[in-house]
Amino acid sequence: QVQLVESGGGLVQPGGSLRLSCAVSGSISVIHVMGWYRQGPGDRRDMVALITNSGSTSYVDSVKGRFTISRDSAKNTVYLQMNSLKPEDTAVYYCCDHLGHWGQGTQVTVSS
């Protein structure tokens, strides 16, 4: 059983930065792809960034150049560094794997 626990959300002003963490526990050897998704008020849940075991990454166009996904295999943790945050980045951010496991989400609010 895989468990994902996100942390690091909060309130930040436009232009600020946050780093989200996703701690992975359980049968992690079967996980090949990790990702971050987000869901704003009244919106669907959309992909933000993905990372494979080999380190390949992909991003939605709206965050390219501002967000960076990374993983620390020794700590079984996936990160999402978010810089130059905008109000439209406000959402609940979820960590997931390619097997369909999801974390509980962490709220990110970008507002002055």
Protein backbone atom coordinates (compact mmCIF):
# COMPACT_ATOMS: atom_id res chain seq x y z
CA GLN A 1 0.00 0.00 0.00
CA VAL A 2 1.34 3.41 -1.00
CA GLN A 3 0.67 6.51 1.06
CA LEU A 4 1.32 10.08 -0.04
CA VAL A 5 1.35 13.02 2.36
CA GLU A 6 1.70 16.59 1.10
CA SER A 7 2.93 19.58 3.08
CA GLY A 8 4.21 23.09 2.49
CA GLY A 9 1.13 24.95 1.32
CA GLY A 10 0.08 28.32 2.66
CA LEU A 11 -0.66 31.96 1.91
CA VAL A 12 1.87 33.87 -0.17
CA GLN A 13 1.88 37.23 -1.92
CA PRO A 14 2.07 37.47 -5.72
CA GLY A 15 5.65 37.06 -6.84
CA GLY A 16 6.51 34.94 -3.83
CA SER A 17 7.69 31.34 -3.54
CA LEU A 18 6.63 28.13 -1.86
CA ARG A 19 8.02 24.61 -1.84
CA LEU A 20 5.61 21.72 -1.58
CA SER A 21 6.73 18.31 -0.35
CA CYS A 22 5.19 14.89 -0.88
CA ALA A 23 6.38 12.14 1.44
CA VAL A 24 5.93 8.67 -0.05
CA SER A 25 5.67 5.53 2.05
CA GLY A 26 4.74 1.92 1.40
CA SER A 27 5.52 -0.12 -1.71
CA ILE A 28 7.49 2.64 -3.40
CA SER A 29 9.46 0.28 -5.62
CA VAL A 30 6.43 -0.05 -7.92
CA ILE A 31 6.17 3.69 -8.49
CA HIS A 32 7.63 4.91 -11.78
CA VAL A 33 6.01 8.32 -12.21
CA MET A 34 5.10 10.94 -9.64
CA GLY A 35 3.15 14.08 -10.26
CA TRP A 36 1.59 17.21 -8.89
CA TYR A 37 -1.94 18.21 -9.83
CA ARG A 38 -4.02 21.16 -8.72
CA GLN A 39 -7.69 22.03 -8.44
CA GLY A 40 -8.91 25.58 -8.14
CA PRO A 41 -12.37 26.61 -6.89
CA GLY A 42 -14.95 25.28 -9.31
CA ASP A 43 -12.28 23.82 -11.58
CA ARG A 44 -11.32 20.30 -12.55
CA ARG A 45 -8.11 18.73 -11.27
CA ASP A 46 -5.32 19.36 -13.78
CA MET A 47 -1.76 18.18 -14.14
CA VAL A 48 0.95 20.65 -13.10
CA ALA A 49 4.18 18.64 -13.30
CA LEU A 50 5.39 15.05 -13.66
CA ILE A 51 8.69 13.31 -12.94
CA THR A 52 9.81 9.79 -13.82
CA ASN A 53 12.24 7.47 -12.04
CA SER A 54 14.87 8.46 -14.60
CA GLY A 55 14.40 12.13 -13.79
CA SER A 56 12.52 13.18 -16.90
CA THR A 57 10.11 16.02 -16.21
CA SER A 58 7.16 17.67 -17.90
CA TYR A 59 5.09 20.74 -17.03
CA VAL A 60 1.88 22.40 -18.01
CA ASP A 61 2.66 25.46 -20.12
CA SER A 62 1.35 27.93 -17.55
CA VAL A 63 4.04 27.00 -14.99
CA LYS A 64 7.05 26.43 -17.25
CA GLY A 65 10.00 28.51 -16.08
CA ARG A 66 8.39 29.14 -12.68
CA PHE A 67 7.85 25.69 -11.13
CA THR A 68 10.35 22.87 -10.72
CA ILE A 69 9.53 19.28 -9.79
CA SER A 70 12.25 17.16 -8.21
CA ARG A 71 12.67 14.01 -6.17
CA ASP A 72 14.96 12.86 -3.38
CA SER A 73 15.06 9.07 -3.56
CA ALA A 74 16.93 8.77 -0.27
CA LYS A 75 14.13 10.61 1.51
CA ASN A 76 11.30 9.13 -0.62
CA THR A 77 10.08 12.65 -1.20
CA VAL A 78 8.94 14.59 -4.25
CA TYR A 79 9.07 18.38 -4.27
CA LEU A 80 7.43 21.18 -6.21
CA GLN A 81 9.35 24.45 -6.03
CA MET A 82 7.02 27.26 -7.04
CA ASN A 83 8.47 30.69 -7.82
CA SER A 84 6.95 33.91 -9.18
CA LEU A 85 3.56 32.80 -7.92
CA LYS A 86 0.44 34.37 -9.40
CA PRO A 87 -3.11 34.63 -8.04
CA GLU A 88 -4.22 32.13 -10.69
CA ASP A 89 -1.93 29.54 -9.08
CA THR A 90 -4.33 29.48 -6.11
CA ALA A 91 -5.58 25.91 -5.74
CA VAL A 92 -5.42 22.75 -3.70
CA TYR A 93 -2.28 20.92 -4.80
CA TYR A 94 -2.26 17.12 -4.85
CA CYS A 95 0.58 14.64 -5.12
CA CYS A 96 -0.06 11.41 -7.00
CA ASP A 97 1.61 8.44 -8.64
CA HIS A 98 0.92 6.65 -11.90
CA LEU A 99 -0.92 3.86 -10.04
CA GLY A 100 -3.69 6.19 -8.93
CA HIS A 101 -2.66 6.92 -5.36
CA TRP A 102 -3.38 10.46 -4.19
CA GLY A 103 -2.47 12.55 -1.19
CA GLN A 104 -4.97 14.59 0.80
CA GLY A 105 -3.95 17.87 -0.82
CA THR A 106 -2.44 21.10 0.46
CA GLN A 107 -3.93 24.55 -0.05
CA VAL A 108 -1.90 27.22 -1.84
CA THR A 109 -3.33 30.74 -1.81
CA VAL A 110 -1.65 33.55 -3.71
CA SER A 111 -3.06 36.89 -2.66
CA SER A 112 -1.99 40.34 -1.53
